[in-house]
Amino acid sequence: DRSGKLERNAITRKHLRAAFVRWFCAKTE
């Protein structure tokens, strides 16, 4: 699943972590 690669890449890439944060904030607003 490509989402697993996205998670692994987010470990070292701040812009991907920011995308996860935006997703969680929008999902549970």
All heavy atoms as atom14 arrays in JSON, in Angstrom:
{
  "sequence": "DRSGKLERNAITRKHLRAAFVRWFCAKTE",
  "atom14_mask": [
    [1, 1, 1, 1, 1, 1, 1, 1, 0, 0, 0, 0, 0, 0],
    [1, 1, 1, 1, 1, 1, 1, 1, 1, 1, 1, 0, 0, 0],
    [1, 1, 1, 1, 1, 1, 0, 0, 0, 0, 0, 0, 0, 0],
    [1, 1, 1, 1, 0, 0, 0, 0, 0, 0, 0, 0, 0, 0],
    [1, 1, 1, 1, 1, 1, 1, 1, 1, 0, 0, 0, 0, 0],
    [1, 1, 1, 1, 1, 1, 1, 1, 0, 0, 0, 0, 0, 0],
    [1, 1, 1, 1, 1, 1, 1, 1, 1, 0, 0, 0, 0, 0],
    [1, 1, 1, 1, 1, 1, 1, 1, 1, 1, 1, 0, 0, 0],
    [1, 1, 1, 1, 1, 1, 1, 1, 0, 0, 0, 0, 0, 0],
    [1, 1, 1, 1, 1, 0, 0, 0, 0, 0, 0, 0, 0, 0],
    [1, 1, 1, 1, 1, 1, 1, 1, 0, 0, 0, 0, 0, 0],
    [1, 1, 1, 1, 1, 1, 1, 0, 0, 0, 0, 0, 0, 0],
    [1, 1, 1, 1, 1, 1, 1, 1, 1, 1, 1, 0, 0, 0],
    [1, 1, 1, 1, 1, 1, 1, 1, 1, 0, 0, 0, 0, 0],
    [1, 1, 1, 1, 1, 1, 1, 1, 1, 1, 0, 0, 0, 0],
    [1, 1, 1, 1, 1, 1, 1, 1, 0, 0, 0, 0, 0, 0],
    [1, 1, 1, 1, 1, 1, 1, 1, 1, 1, 1, 0, 0, 0],
    [1, 1, 1, 1, 1, 0, 0, 0, 0, 0, 0, 0, 0, 0],
    [1, 1, 1, 1, 1, 0, 0, 0, 0, 0, 0, 0, 0, 0],
    [1, 1, 1, 1, 1, 1, 1, 1, 1, 1, 1, 0, 0, 0],
    [1, 1, 1, 1, 1, 1, 1, 0, 0, 0, 0, 0, 0, 0],
    [1, 1, 1, 1, 1, 1, 1, 1, 1, 1, 1, 0, 0, 0],
    [1, 1, 1, 1, 1, 1, 1, 1, 1, 1, 1, 1, 1, 1],
    [1, 1, 1, 1, 1, 1, 1, 1, 1, 1, 1, 0, 0, 0],
    [1, 1, 1, 1, 1, 1, 0, 0, 0, 0, 0, 0, 0, 0],
    [1, 1, 1, 1, 1, 0, 0, 0, 0, 0, 0, 0, 0, 0],
    [1, 1, 1, 1, 1, 1, 1, 1, 1, 0, 0, 0, 0, 0],
    [1, 1, 1, 1, 1, 1, 1, 0, 0, 0, 0, 0, 0, 0],
    [1, 1, 1, 1, 1, 1, 1, 1, 1, 0, 0, 0, 0, 0]
  ],
  "atom14_positions": [
    [[0.85, -1.18, 0.0], [0.0, 0.0, 0.0], [0.89, 1.23, 0.0], [1.79, 1.34, 0.83], [-0.88, -0.04, 1.26], [-1.92, 1.05, 1.29], [-1.93, 1.9, 0.38], [-2.72, 1.06, 2.23], [0.0, 0.0, 0.0], [0.0, 0.0, 0.0], [0.0, 0.0, 0.0], [0.0, 0.0, 0.0], [0.0, 0.0, 0.0], [0.0, 0.0, 0.0]],
    [[0.66, 2.16, -0.92], [1.49, 3.36, -1.02], [1.41, 4.22, 0.23], [2.33, 4.97, 0.52], [1.07, 4.21, -2.23], [1.35, 3.59, -3.56], [2.76, 3.66, -3.98], [3.23, 5.01, -4.17], [4.47, 5.31, -4.42], [5.37, 4.37, -4.53], [4.86, 6.55, -4.58], [0.0, 0.0, 0.0], [0.0, 0.0, 0.0], [0.0, 0.0, 0.0]],
    [[0.33, 4.12, 0.99], [0.23, 4.95, 2.2], [1.31, 4.56, 3.22], [1.76, 5.4, 3.99], [-1.16, 4.85, 2.82], [-1.43, 3.54, 3.24], [0.0, 0.0, 0.0], [0.0, 0.0, 0.0], [0.0, 0.0, 0.0], [0.0, 0.0, 0.0], [0.0, 0.0, 0.0], [0.0, 0.0, 0.0], [0.0, 0.0, 0.0], [0.0, 0.0, 0.0]],
    [[1.75, 3.31, 3.2], [2.84, 2.91, 4.09], [4.14, 3.61, 3.73], [4.89, 4.05, 4.6], [0.0, 0.0, 0.0], [0.0, 0.0, 0.0], [0.0, 0.0, 0.0], [0.0, 0.0, 0.0], [0.0, 0.0, 0.0], [0.0, 0.0, 0.0], [0.0, 0.0, 0.0], [0.0, 0.0, 0.0], [0.0, 0.0, 0.0], [0.0, 0.0, 0.0]],
    [[4.4, 3.75, 2.44], [5.6, 4.47, 1.99], [5.48, 5.94, 2.36], [6.47, 6.57, 2.76], [5.8, 4.3, 0.49], [7.07, 4.91, 0.01], [7.41, 4.48, -1.39], [8.79, 5.01, -1.73], [9.38, 4.36, -2.85], [0.0, 0.0, 0.0], [0.0, 0.0, 0.0], [0.0, 0.0, 0.0], [0.0, 0.0, 0.0], [0.0, 0.0, 0.0]],
    [[4.29, 6.5, 2.25], [4.07, 7.89, 2.63], [4.39, 8.09, 4.12], [5.07, 9.04, 4.49], [2.63, 8.3, 2.34], [2.23, 9.71, 2.73], [3.0, 10.74, 1.91], [0.74, 9.91, 2.56], [0.0, 0.0, 0.0], [0.0, 0.0, 0.0], [0.0, 0.0, 0.0], [0.0, 0.0, 0.0], [0.0, 0.0, 0.0], [0.0, 0.0, 0.0]],
    [[3.93, 7.18, 4.95], [4.23, 7.26, 6.38], [5.73, 7.16, 6.65], [6.27, 7.92, 7.44], [3.52, 6.15, 7.15], [2.09, 6.43, 7.45], [1.47, 5.33, 8.28], [2.11, 4.87, 9.26], [0.35, 4.94, 7.96], [0.0, 0.0, 0.0], [0.0, 0.0, 0.0], [0.0, 0.0, 0.0], [0.0, 0.0, 0.0], [0.0, 0.0, 0.0]],
    [[6.4, 6.23, 6.0], [7.85, 6.07, 6.22], [8.6, 7.32, 5.76], [9.55, 7.75, 6.42], [8.37, 4.83, 5.49], [7.92, 3.53, 6.12], [8.61, 2.33, 5.5], [8.39, 2.2, 4.07], [7.34, 1.61, 3.5], [6.38, 1.09, 4.27], [7.24, 1.51, 2.19], [0.0, 0.0, 0.0], [0.0, 0.0, 0.0], [0.0, 0.0, 0.0]],
    [[8.19, 7.9, 4.65], [8.84, 9.12, 4.17], [8.57, 10.3, 5.09], [9.39, 11.2, 5.22], [8.39, 9.45, 2.75], [9.0, 8.53, 1.73], [10.04, 7.91, 1.97], [8.36, 8.41, 0.58], [0.0, 0.0, 0.0], [0.0, 0.0, 0.0], [0.0, 0.0, 0.0], [0.0, 0.0, 0.0], [0.0, 0.0, 0.0], [0.0, 0.0, 0.0]],
    [[7.41, 10.32, 5.75], [7.08, 11.42, 6.65], [7.97, 11.44, 7.89], [8.09, 12.48, 8.55], [5.61, 11.32, 7.07], [0.0, 0.0, 0.0], [0.0, 0.0, 0.0], [0.0, 0.0, 0.0], [0.0, 0.0, 0.0], [0.0, 0.0, 0.0], [0.0, 0.0, 0.0], [0.0, 0.0, 0.0], [0.0, 0.0, 0.0], [0.0, 0.0, 0.0]],
    [[8.64, 10.35, 8.19], [9.54, 10.31, 9.35], [10.63, 11.37, 9.2], [10.98, 12.04, 10.16], [10.15, 8.9, 9.52], [9.06, 7.9, 9.9], [11.26, 8.9, 10.56], [9.49, 6.46, 9.84], [0.0, 0.0, 0.0], [0.0, 0.0, 0.0], [0.0, 0.0, 0.0], [0.0, 0.0, 0.0], [0.0, 0.0, 0.0], [0.0, 0.0, 0.0]],
    [[11.12, 11.56, 7.99], [12.21, 12.5, 7.77], [11.8, 13.76, 7.01], [12.62, 14.64, 6.82], [13.36, 11.82, 6.99], [12.85, 11.34, 5.74], [13.97, 10.7, 7.8], [0.0, 0.0, 0.0], [0.0, 0.0, 0.0], [0.0, 0.0, 0.0], [0.0, 0.0, 0.0], [0.0, 0.0, 0.0], [0.0, 0.0, 0.0], [0.0, 0.0, 0.0]],
    [[10.54, 13.84, 6.58], [10.12, 14.99, 5.76], [8.99, 15.75, 6.45], [7.86, 15.26, 6.56], [9.69, 14.52, 4.39], [10.84, 13.91, 3.63], [10.49, 13.69, 2.19], [11.65, 13.25, 1.47], [11.78, 12.02, 0.97], [10.84, 11.14, 1.13], [12.87, 11.71, 0.31], [0.0, 0.0, 0.0], [0.0, 0.0, 0.0], [0.0, 0.0, 0.0]],
    [[9.32, 16.95, 6.88], [8.39, 17.75, 7.67], [7.13, 18.11, 6.88], [6.03, 18.14, 7.45], [9.11, 19.03, 8.13], [8.4, 19.79, 9.19], [9.28, 20.9, 9.73], [8.65, 21.51, 10.95], [9.54, 22.46, 11.6], [0.0, 0.0, 0.0], [0.0, 0.0, 0.0], [0.0, 0.0, 0.0], [0.0, 0.0, 0.0], [0.0, 0.0, 0.0]],
    [[7.24, 18.38, 5.59], [6.06, 18.76, 4.82], [5.04, 17.62, 4.73], [3.84, 17.86, 4.68], [6.45, 19.27, 3.42], [6.94, 18.22, 2.48], [8.23, 17.71, 2.54], [6.33, 17.57, 1.47], [8.37, 16.79, 1.6], [7.24, 16.7, 0.95], [0.0, 0.0, 0.0], [0.0, 0.0, 0.0], [0.0, 0.0, 0.0], [0.0, 0.0, 0.0]],
    [[5.5, 16.38, 4.77], [4.56, 15.25, 4.77], [3.88, 15.1, 6.13], [2.7, 14.78, 6.21], [5.28, 13.96, 4.39], [5.81, 13.89, 2.96], [6.57, 12.59, 2.73], [4.68, 14.03, 1.96], [0.0, 0.0, 0.0], [0.0, 0.0, 0.0], [0.0, 0.0, 0.0], [0.0, 0.0, 0.0], [0.0, 0.0, 0.0], [0.0, 0.0, 0.0]],
    [[4.63, 15.37, 7.2], [4.01, 15.34, 8.53], [2.95, 16.44, 8.63], [1.87, 16.23, 9.21], [5.07, 15.49, 9.63], [6.02, 14.32, 9.71], [6.87, 14.33, 10.96], [7.7, 15.5, 11.15], [8.94, 15.64, 10.71], [9.51, 14.66, 10.03], [9.63, 16.74, 10.95], [0.0, 0.0, 0.0], [0.0, 0.0, 0.0], [0.0, 0.0, 0.0]],
    [[3.24, 17.6, 8.05], [2.26, 18.7, 8.04], [0.99, 18.28, 7.3], [-0.12, 18.64, 7.71], [2.87, 19.95, 7.41], [0.0, 0.0, 0.0], [0.0, 0.0, 0.0], [0.0, 0.0, 0.0], [0.0, 0.0, 0.0], [0.0, 0.0, 0.0], [0.0, 0.0, 0.0], [0.0, 0.0, 0.0], [0.0, 0.0, 0.0], [0.0, 0.0, 0.0]],
    [[1.14, 17.52, 6.23], [-0.03, 17.04, 5.49], [-0.87, 16.09, 6.34], [-2.11, 16.16, 6.33], [0.41, 16.35, 4.2], [0.0, 0.0, 0.0], [0.0, 0.0, 0.0], [0.0, 0.0, 0.0], [0.0, 0.0, 0.0], [0.0, 0.0, 0.0], [0.0, 0.0, 0.0], [0.0, 0.0, 0.0], [0.0, 0.0, 0.0], [0.0, 0.0, 0.0]],
    [[-0.21, 15.21, 7.11], [-0.95, 14.34, 8.02], [-1.71, 15.16, 9.06], [-2.86, 14.86, 9.38], [-0.01, 13.36, 8.73], [0.26, 12.1, 7.96], [1.52, 11.83, 7.46], [-0.76, 11.18, 7.74], [1.77, 10.67, 6.76], [-0.52, 10.02, 7.05], [0.75, 9.76, 6.55], [0.0, 0.0, 0.0], [0.0, 0.0, 0.0], [0.0, 0.0, 0.0]],
    [[-1.07, 16.19, 9.59], [-1.72, 17.04, 10.59], [-2.95, 17.71, 9.99], [-4.03, 17.72, 10.59], [-0.73, 18.08, 11.15], [-1.45, 19.12, 11.99], [0.35, 17.4, 11.96], [0.0, 0.0, 0.0], [0.0, 0.0, 0.0], [0.0, 0.0, 0.0], [0.0, 0.0, 0.0], [0.0, 0.0, 0.0], [0.0, 0.0, 0.0], [0.0, 0.0, 0.0]],
    [[-2.8, 18.28, 8.8], [-3.95, 18.93, 8.15], [-5.09, 17.95, 7.94], [-6.26, 18.26, 8.14], [-3.53, 19.55, 6.81], [-2.74, 20.84, 6.97], [-2.58, 21.57, 5.65], [-1.86, 20.8, 4.65], [-0.54, 20.78, 4.52], [0.21, 21.51, 5.33], [0.03, 20.07, 3.58], [0.0, 0.0, 0.0], [0.0, 0.0, 0.0], [0.0, 0.0, 0.0]],
    [[-4.74, 16.71, 7.56], [-5.75, 15.69, 7.32], [-6.49, 15.35, 8.62], [-7.72, 15.29, 8.65], [-5.1, 14.44, 6.72], [-6.07, 13.37, 6.39], [-6.95, 13.33, 5.35], [-6.28, 12.16, 7.12], [-7.68, 12.18, 5.38], [-7.29, 11.43, 6.45], [-5.7, 11.62, 8.26], [-7.73, 10.2, 6.9], [-6.14, 10.38, 8.7], [-7.15, 9.69, 8.02]],
    [[-5.74, 15.12, 9.71], [-6.39, 14.8, 10.99], [-7.23, 15.97, 11.48], [-8.33, 15.77, 12.01], [-5.36, 14.4, 12.05], [-4.94, 12.96, 11.99], [-3.62, 12.63, 11.74], [-5.86, 11.94, 12.18], [-3.22, 11.3, 11.68], [-5.48, 10.61, 12.12], [-4.15, 10.29, 11.86], [0.0, 0.0, 0.0], [0.0, 0.0, 0.0], [0.0, 0.0, 0.0]],
    [[-6.71, 17.2, 11.36], [-7.47, 18.37, 11.83], [-8.76, 18.53, 11.04], [-9.81, 18.82, 11.61], [-6.62, 19.64, 11.73], [-5.28, 19.72, 12.94], [0.0, 0.0, 0.0], [0.0, 0.0, 0.0], [0.0, 0.0, 0.0], [0.0, 0.0, 0.0], [0.0, 0.0, 0.0], [0.0, 0.0, 0.0], [0.0, 0.0, 0.0], [0.0, 0.0, 0.0]],
    [[-8.72, 18.34, 9.72], [-9.92, 18.48, 8.89], [-10.89, 17.33, 9.14], [-12.11, 17.52, 9.15], [-9.52, 18.52, 7.42], [0.0, 0.0, 0.0], [0.0, 0.0, 0.0], [0.0, 0.0, 0.0], [0.0, 0.0, 0.0], [0.0, 0.0, 0.0], [0.0, 0.0, 0.0], [0.0, 0.0, 0.0], [0.0, 0.0, 0.0], [0.0, 0.0, 0.0]],
    [[-10.38, 16.15, 9.38], [-11.21, 14.96, 9.58], [-12.0, 15.03, 10.88], [-13.13, 14.55, 10.96], [-10.3, 13.73, 9.57], [-10.98, 12.42, 9.82], [-9.95, 11.31, 9.79], [-10.54, 10.04, 10.36], [-9.57, 8.98, 10.51], [0.0, 0.0, 0.0], [0.0, 0.0, 0.0], [0.0, 0.0, 0.0], [0.0, 0.0, 0.0], [0.0, 0.0, 0.0]],
    [[-11.43, 15.62, 11.91], [-12.06, 15.6, 13.23], [-12.51, 16.99, 13.7], [-12.85, 17.14, 14.86], [-11.09, 15.03, 14.27], [-9.93, 15.84, 14.3], [-10.72, 13.61, 13.94], [0.0, 0.0, 0.0], [0.0, 0.0, 0.0], [0.0, 0.0, 0.0], [0.0, 0.0, 0.0], [0.0, 0.0, 0.0], [0.0, 0.0, 0.0], [0.0, 0.0, 0.0]],
    [[-12.44, 17.98, 12.82], [-12.8, 19.36, 13.2], [-14.19, 19.37, 13.82], [-15.09, 18.71, 13.32], [-12.76, 20.23, 11.93], [-12.83, 21.69, 12.18], [-11.61, 22.23, 12.93], [-10.5, 21.74, 12.74], [-11.8, 23.12, 13.74], [0.0, 0.0, 0.0], [0.0, 0.0, 0.0], [0.0, 0.0, 0.0], [0.0, 0.0, 0.0], [0.0, 0.0, 0.0]]
  ]
}
